[in-house]
Amino acid sequence: MSTAELLLSLAGAVTMLLLSVIAYFLKLLIDDTRQLKGELAKLKDLFYRLEIEQAFLKNMMQRTRSPPE
């Protein structure tokens, strides 16, 4: 095996290793993004519920408050 072939093989192995590492981190990034999307949907739902509850409590307080004299 000549030196050029050895160098090309080594460069190919290093490239393959780097691409594998990049693919692994991309997979982690995609998984985190999906998880974040699910948590964001839950947070939006919670926000809407709290907003409705706040409006309900405000309405109840206005009704139970004594009228001005």
PDB file of N, CA and C in Angstrom:
ATOM      1  N   MET A   1       0.845  -1.171   0.000  1.00  0.00           N
ATOM      2  CA  MET A   1       0.000   0.000   0.000  1.00  0.00           C
ATOM      3  C   MET A   1       0.895   1.239   0.000  1.00  0.00           C
ATOM      4  N   SER A   2       0.587   2.141  -0.905  1.00  0.00           N
ATOM      5  CA  SER A   2       1.420   3.329  -1.009  1.00  0.00           C
ATOM      6  C   SER A   2       1.028   4.348   0.056  1.00  0.00           C
ATOM      7  N   THR A   3       1.855   5.334   0.198  1.00  0.00           N
ATOM      8  CA  THR A   3       1.629   6.373   1.201  1.00  0.00           C
ATOM      9  C   THR A   3       0.365   7.172   0.886  1.00  0.00           C
ATOM     10  N   ALA A   4       0.112   7.430  -0.383  1.00  0.00           N
ATOM     11  CA  ALA A   4      -1.074   8.196  -0.783  1.00  0.00           C
ATOM     12  C   ALA A   4      -2.342   7.431  -0.421  1.00  0.00           C
ATOM     13  N   GLU A   5      -2.347   6.127  -0.679  1.00  0.00           N
ATOM     14  CA  GLU A   5      -3.517   5.322  -0.343  1.00  0.00           C
ATOM     15  C   GLU A   5      -3.743   5.288   1.160  1.00  0.00           C
ATOM     16  N   LEU A   6      -2.673   5.195   1.916  1.00  0.00           N
ATOM     17  CA  LEU A   6      -2.763   5.188   3.375  1.00  0.00           C
ATOM     18  C   LEU A   6      -3.311   6.517   3.889  1.00  0.00           C
ATOM     19  N   LEU A   7      -2.831   7.608   3.310  1.00  0.00           N
ATOM     20  CA  LEU A   7      -3.312   8.932   3.704  1.00  0.00           C
ATOM     21  C   LEU A   7      -4.785   9.116   3.368  1.00  0.00           C
ATOM     22  N   LEU A   8      -5.210   8.650   2.185  1.00  0.00           N
ATOM     23  CA  LEU A   8      -6.608   8.754   1.793  1.00  0.00           C
ATOM     24  C   LEU A   8      -7.495   7.897   2.700  1.00  0.00           C
ATOM     25  N   SER A   9      -7.019   6.732   3.065  1.00  0.00           N
ATOM     26  CA  SER A   9      -7.779   5.868   3.966  1.00  0.00           C
ATOM     27  C   SER A   9      -7.927   6.518   5.337  1.00  0.00           C
ATOM     28  N   LEU A  10      -6.846   7.091   5.812  1.00  0.00           N
ATOM     29  CA  LEU A  10      -6.876   7.771   7.107  1.00  0.00           C
ATOM     30  C   LEU A  10      -7.802   8.983   7.062  1.00  0.00           C
ATOM     31  N   ALA A  11      -7.756   9.756   5.990  1.00  0.00           N
ATOM     32  CA  ALA A  11      -8.629  10.920   5.843  1.00  0.00           C
ATOM     33  C   ALA A  11     -10.092  10.474   5.765  1.00  0.00           C
ATOM     34  N   GLY A  12     -10.358   9.380   5.077  1.00  0.00           N
ATOM     35  CA  GLY A  12     -11.714   8.847   4.999  1.00  0.00           C
ATOM     36  C   GLY A  12     -12.218   8.393   6.358  1.00  0.00           C
ATOM     37  N   ALA A  13     -11.354   7.762   7.134  1.00  0.00           N
ATOM     38  CA  ALA A  13     -11.756   7.303   8.470  1.00  0.00           C
ATOM     39  C   ALA A  13     -12.044   8.487   9.389  1.00  0.00           C
ATOM     40  N   VAL A  14     -11.212   9.501   9.335  1.00  0.00           N
ATOM     41  CA  VAL A  14     -11.421  10.693  10.161  1.00  0.00           C
ATOM     42  C   VAL A  14     -12.715  11.398   9.744  1.00  0.00           C
ATOM     43  N   THR A  15     -12.948  11.506   8.433  1.00  0.00           N
ATOM     44  CA  THR A  15     -14.169  12.126   7.939  1.00  0.00           C
ATOM     45  C   THR A  15     -15.394  11.351   8.404  1.00  0.00           C
ATOM     46  N   MET A  16     -15.333  10.017   8.318  1.00  0.00           N
ATOM     47  CA  MET A  16     -16.447   9.184   8.755  1.00  0.00           C
ATOM     48  C   MET A  16     -16.708   9.364  10.250  1.00  0.00           C
ATOM     49  N   LEU A  17     -15.658   9.442  11.021  1.00  0.00           N
ATOM     50  CA  LEU A  17     -15.798   9.633  12.464  1.00  0.00           C
ATOM     51  C   LEU A  17     -16.432  10.987  12.777  1.00  0.00           C
ATOM     52  N   LEU A  18     -15.982  12.034  12.113  1.00  0.00           N
ATOM     53  CA  LEU A  18     -16.543  13.369  12.331  1.00  0.00           C
ATOM     54  C   LEU A  18     -18.013  13.440  11.905  1.00  0.00           C
ATOM     55  N   LEU A  19     -18.350  12.811  10.790  1.00  0.00           N
ATOM     56  CA  LEU A  19     -19.738  12.801  10.342  1.00  0.00           C
ATOM     57  C   LEU A  19     -20.621  12.018  11.314  1.00  0.00           C
ATOM     58  N   SER A  20     -20.092  10.961  11.887  1.00  0.00           N
ATOM     59  CA  SER A  20     -20.846  10.190  12.874  1.00  0.00           C
ATOM     60  C   SER A  20     -21.116  11.024  14.122  1.00  0.00           C
ATOM     61  N   VAL A  21     -20.127  11.781  14.567  1.00  0.00           N
ATOM     62  CA  VAL A  21     -20.304  12.635  15.739  1.00  0.00           C
ATOM     63  C   VAL A  21     -21.338  13.726  15.448  1.00  0.00           C
ATOM     64  N   ILE A  22     -21.261  14.312  14.265  1.00  0.00           N
ATOM     65  CA  ILE A  22     -22.226  15.346  13.891  1.00  0.00           C
ATOM     66  C   ILE A  22     -23.632  14.763  13.836  1.00  0.00           C
ATOM     67  N   ALA A  23     -23.785  13.574  13.262  1.00  0.00           N
ATOM     68  CA  ALA A  23     -25.097  12.941  13.172  1.00  0.00           C
ATOM     69  C   ALA A  23     -25.656  12.652  14.565  1.00  0.00           C
ATOM     70  N   TYR A  24     -24.802  12.216  15.482  1.00  0.00           N
ATOM     71  CA  TYR A  24     -25.242  11.935  16.849  1.00  0.00           C
ATOM     72  C   TYR A  24     -25.765  13.203  17.529  1.00  0.00           C
ATOM     73  N   PHE A  25     -25.030  14.295  17.406  1.00  0.00           N
ATOM     74  CA  PHE A  25     -25.456  15.541  18.035  1.00  0.00           C
ATOM     75  C   PHE A  25     -26.699  16.125  17.346  1.00  0.00           C
ATOM     76  N   LEU A  26     -26.829  15.934  16.039  1.00  0.00           N
ATOM     77  CA  LEU A  26     -28.042  16.364  15.354  1.00  0.00           C
ATOM     78  C   LEU A  26     -29.257  15.585  15.842  1.00  0.00           C
ATOM     79  N   LYS A  27     -29.075  14.288  16.080  1.00  0.00           N
ATOM     80  CA  LYS A  27     -30.161  13.471  16.601  1.00  0.00           C
ATOM     81  C   LYS A  27     -30.575  13.971  17.980  1.00  0.00           C
ATOM     82  N   LEU A  28     -29.612  14.281  18.830  1.00  0.00           N
ATOM     83  CA  LEU A  28     -29.927  14.819  20.154  1.00  0.00           C
ATOM     84  C   LEU A  28     -30.654  16.160  20.041  1.00  0.00           C
ATOM     85  N   LEU A  29     -30.223  16.998  19.123  1.00  0.00           N
ATOM     86  CA  LEU A  29     -30.853  18.300  18.931  1.00  0.00           C
ATOM     87  C   LEU A  29     -32.303  18.144  18.465  1.00  0.00           C
ATOM     88  N   ILE A  30     -32.537  17.227  17.545  1.00  0.00           N
ATOM     89  CA  ILE A  30     -33.896  16.988  17.050  1.00  0.00           C
ATOM     90  C   ILE A  30     -34.779  16.448  18.163  1.00  0.00           C
ATOM     91  N   ASP A  31     -34.256  15.516  18.974  1.00  0.00           N
ATOM     92  CA  ASP A  31     -35.028  14.976  20.094  1.00  0.00           C
ATOM     93  C   ASP A  31     -35.375  16.076  21.101  1.00  0.00           C
ATOM     94  N   ASP A  32     -34.418  16.934  21.400  1.00  0.00           N
ATOM     95  CA  ASP A  32     -34.666  18.034  22.338  1.00  0.00           C
ATOM     96  C   ASP A  32     -35.700  19.003  21.779  1.00  0.00           C
ATOM     97  N   THR A  33     -35.642  19.257  20.473  1.00  0.00           N
ATOM     98  CA  THR A  33     -36.608  20.158  19.846  1.00  0.00           C
ATOM     99  C   THR A  33     -38.014  19.587  19.925  1.00  0.00           C
ATOM    100  N   ARG A  34     -38.151  18.291  19.690  1.00  0.00           N
ATOM    101  CA  ARG A  34     -39.470  17.647  19.793  1.00  0.00           C
ATOM    102  C   ARG A  34     -39.996  17.709  21.223  1.00  0.00           C
ATOM    103  N   GLN A  35     -39.117  17.458  22.174  1.00  0.00           N
ATOM    104  CA  GLN A  35     -39.521  17.509  23.580  1.00  0.00           C
ATOM    105  C   GLN A  35     -39.926  18.935  23.954  1.00  0.00           C
ATOM    106  N   LEU A  36     -39.185  19.909  23.489  1.00  0.00           N
ATOM    107  CA  LEU A  36     -39.492  21.308  23.767  1.00  0.00           C
ATOM    108  C   LEU A  36     -40.826  21.712  23.145  1.00  0.00           C
ATOM    109  N   LYS A  37     -41.117  21.202  21.962  1.00  0.00           N
ATOM    110  CA  LYS A  37     -42.387  21.506  21.300  1.00  0.00           C
ATOM    111  C   LYS A  37     -43.552  20.970  22.131  1.00  0.00           C
ATOM    112  N   GLY A  38     -43.397  19.766  22.693  1.00  0.00           N
ATOM    113  CA  GLY A  38     -44.440  19.204  23.548  1.00  0.00           C
ATOM    114  C   GLY A  38     -44.627  20.006  24.826  1.00  0.00           C
ATOM    115  N   GLU A  39     -43.527  20.417  25.430  1.00  0.00           N
ATOM    116  CA  GLU A  39     -43.605  21.218  26.649  1.00  0.00           C
ATOM    117  C   GLU A  39     -44.214  22.593  26.365  1.00  0.00           C
ATOM    118  N   LEU A  40     -43.936  23.153  25.210  1.00  0.00           N
ATOM    119  CA  LEU A  40     -44.515  24.441  24.837  1.00  0.00           C
ATOM    120  C   LEU A  40     -46.030  24.322  24.671  1.00  0.00           C
ATOM    121  N   ALA A  41     -46.492  23.232  24.094  1.00  0.00           N
ATOM    122  CA  ALA A  41     -47.934  23.024  23.941  1.00  0.00           C
ATOM    123  C   ALA A  41     -48.599  22.924  25.321  1.00  0.00           C
ATOM    124  N   LYS A  42     -47.960  22.213  26.254  1.00  0.00           N
ATOM    125  CA  LYS A  42     -48.506  22.113  27.613  1.00  0.00           C
ATOM    126  C   LYS A  42     -48.530  23.488  28.283  1.00  0.00           C
ATOM    127  N   LEU A  43     -47.477  24.263  28.078  1.00  0.00           N
ATOM    128  CA  LEU A  43     -47.391  25.589  28.683  1.00  0.00           C
ATOM    129  C   LEU A  43     -48.464  26.524  28.123  1.00  0.00           C
ATOM    130  N   LYS A  44     -48.724  26.443  26.820  1.00  0.00           N
ATOM    131  CA  LYS A  44     -49.789  27.258  26.226  1.00  0.00           C
ATOM    132  C   LYS A  44     -51.136  26.886  26.821  1.00  0.00           C
ATOM    133  N   ASP A  45     -51.382  25.595  26.969  1.00  0.00           N
ATOM    134  CA  ASP A  45     -52.643  25.133  27.544  1.00  0.00           C
ATOM    135  C   ASP A  45     -52.793  25.642  28.975  1.00  0.00           C
ATOM    136  N   LEU A  46     -51.730  25.547  29.746  1.00  0.00           N
ATOM    137  CA  LEU A  46     -51.759  26.032  31.125  1.00  0.00           C
ATOM    138  C   LEU A  46     -51.997  27.540  31.169  1.00  0.00           C
ATOM    139  N   PHE A  47     -51.384  28.271  30.263  1.00  0.00           N
ATOM    140  CA  PHE A  47     -51.565  29.721  30.201  1.00  0.00           C
ATOM    141  C   PHE A  47     -53.021  30.076  29.938  1.00  0.00           C
ATOM    142  N   TYR A  48     -53.639  29.396  28.969  1.00  0.00           N
ATOM    143  CA  TYR A  48     -55.047  29.677  28.660  1.00  0.00           C
ATOM    144  C   TYR A  48     -55.941  29.357  29.854  1.00  0.00           C
ATOM    145  N   ARG A  49     -55.663  28.249  30.529  1.00  0.00           N
ATOM    146  CA  ARG A  49     -56.458  27.892  31.708  1.00  0.00           C
ATOM    147  C   ARG A  49     -56.322  28.949  32.804  1.00  0.00           C
ATOM    148  N   LEU A  50     -55.113  29.398  33.049  1.00  0.00           N
ATOM    149  CA  LEU A  50     -54.896  30.418  34.075  1.00  0.00           C
ATOM    150  C   LEU A  50     -55.559  31.740  33.697  1.00  0.00           C
ATOM    151  N   GLU A  51     -55.515  32.070  32.420  1.00  0.00           N
ATOM    152  CA  GLU A  51     -56.146  33.300  31.961  1.00  0.00           C
ATOM    153  C   GLU A  51     -57.659  33.244  32.184  1.00  0.00           C
ATOM    154  N   ILE A  52     -58.265  32.108  31.880  1.00  0.00           N
ATOM    155  CA  ILE A  52     -59.705  31.936  32.090  1.00  0.00           C
ATOM    156  C   ILE A  52     -60.035  31.975  33.577  1.00  0.00           C
ATOM    157  N   GLU A  53     -59.207  31.309  34.373  1.00  0.00           N
ATOM    158  CA  GLU A  53     -59.445  31.302  35.815  1.00  0.00           C
ATOM    159  C   GLU A  53     -59.318  32.710  36.399  1.00  0.00           C
ATOM    160  N   GLN A  54     -58.353  33.471  35.928  1.00  0.00           N
ATOM    161  CA  GLN A  54     -58.174  34.838  36.409  1.00  0.00           C
ATOM    162  C   GLN A  54     -59.390  35.691  36.050  1.00  0.00           C
ATOM    163  N   ALA A  55     -59.895  35.545  34.839  1.00  0.00           N
ATOM    164  CA  ALA A  55     -61.083  36.300  34.436  1.00  0.00           C
ATOM    165  C   ALA A  55     -62.288  35.892  35.288  1.00  0.00           C
ATOM    166  N   PHE A  56     -62.414  34.590  35.566  1.00  0.00           N
ATOM    167  CA  PHE A  56     -63.509  34.109  36.401  1.00  0.00           C
ATOM    168  C   PHE A  56     -63.422  34.682  37.815  1.00  0.00           C
ATOM    169  N   LEU A  57     -62.229  34.672  38.403  1.00  0.00           N
ATOM    170  CA  LEU A  57     -62.048  35.205  39.754  1.00  0.00           C
ATOM    171  C   LEU A  57     -62.308  36.709  39.790  1.00  0.00           C
ATOM    172  N   LYS A  58     -61.881  37.405  38.772  1.00  0.00           N
ATOM    173  CA  LYS A  58     -62.122  38.858  38.712  1.00  0.00           C
ATOM    174  C   LYS A  58     -63.620  39.136  38.642  1.00  0.00           C
ATOM    175  N   ASN A  59     -64.320  38.350  37.841  1.00  0.00           N
ATOM    176  CA  ASN A  59     -65.753  38.496  37.710  1.00  0.00           C
ATOM    177  C   ASN A  59     -66.451  38.210  39.045  1.00  0.00           C
ATOM    178  N   MET A  60     -66.022  37.158  39.724  1.00  0.00           N
ATOM    179  CA  MET A  60     -66.615  36.803  41.017  1.00  0.00           C
ATOM    180  C   MET A  60     -66.357  37.900  42.048  1.00  0.00           C
ATOM    181  N   MET A  61     -65.169  38.464  42.071  1.00  0.00           N
ATOM    182  CA  MET A  61     -64.850  39.519  43.030  1.00  0.00           C
ATOM    183  C   MET A  61     -65.666  40.778  42.751  1.00  0.00           C
ATOM    184  N   GLN A  62     -65.897  41.089  41.493  1.00  0.00           N
ATOM    185  CA  GLN A  62     -66.685  42.271  41.151  1.00  0.00           C
ATOM    186  C   GLN A  62     -68.149  42.084  41.557  1.00  0.00           C
ATOM    187  N   ARG A  63     -68.653  40.862  41.461  1.00  0.00           N
ATOM    188  CA  ARG A  63     -70.037  40.597  41.844  1.00  0.00           C
ATOM    189  C   ARG A  63     -70.239  40.632  43.356  1.00  0.00           C
ATOM    190  N   THR A  64     -69.258  40.120  44.107  1.00  0.00           N
ATOM    191  CA  THR A  64     -69.402  40.045  45.562  1.00  0.00           C
ATOM    192  C   THR A  64     -69.022  41.327  46.253  1.00  0.00           C
ATOM    193  N   ARG A  65     -68.385  42.232  45.565  1.00  0.00           N
ATOM    194  CA  ARG A  65     -67.981  43.492  46.165  1.00  0.00           C
ATOM    195  C   ARG A  65     -69.231  44.351  46.431  1.00  0.00           C
ATOM    196  N   SER A  66     -69.220  44.983  47.550  1.00  0.00           N
ATOM    197  CA  SER A  66     -70.396  45.809  47.872  1.00  0.00           C
ATOM    198  C   SER A  66     -70.434  47.026  46.957  1.00  0.00           C
ATOM    199  N   PRO A  67     -71.630  47.447  46.564  1.00  0.00           N
ATOM    200  CA  PRO A  67     -71.735  48.611  45.652  1.00  0.00           C
ATOM    201  C   PRO A  67     -71.334  49.881  46.393  1.00  0.00           C
ATOM    202  N   PRO A  68     -70.811  50.854  45.677  1.00  0.00           N
ATOM    203  CA  PRO A  68     -70.403  52.121  46.306  1.00  0.00           C
ATOM    204  C   PRO A  68     -71.621  52.874  46.823  1.00  0.00           C
ATOM    205  N   GLU A  69     -71.432  53.542  47.951  1.00  0.00           N
ATOM    206  CA  GLU A  69     -72.537  54.277  48.598  1.00  0.00           C
ATOM    207  C   GLU A  69     -72.518  55.733  48.226  1.00  0.00           C
TER     208      GLU A  69
END
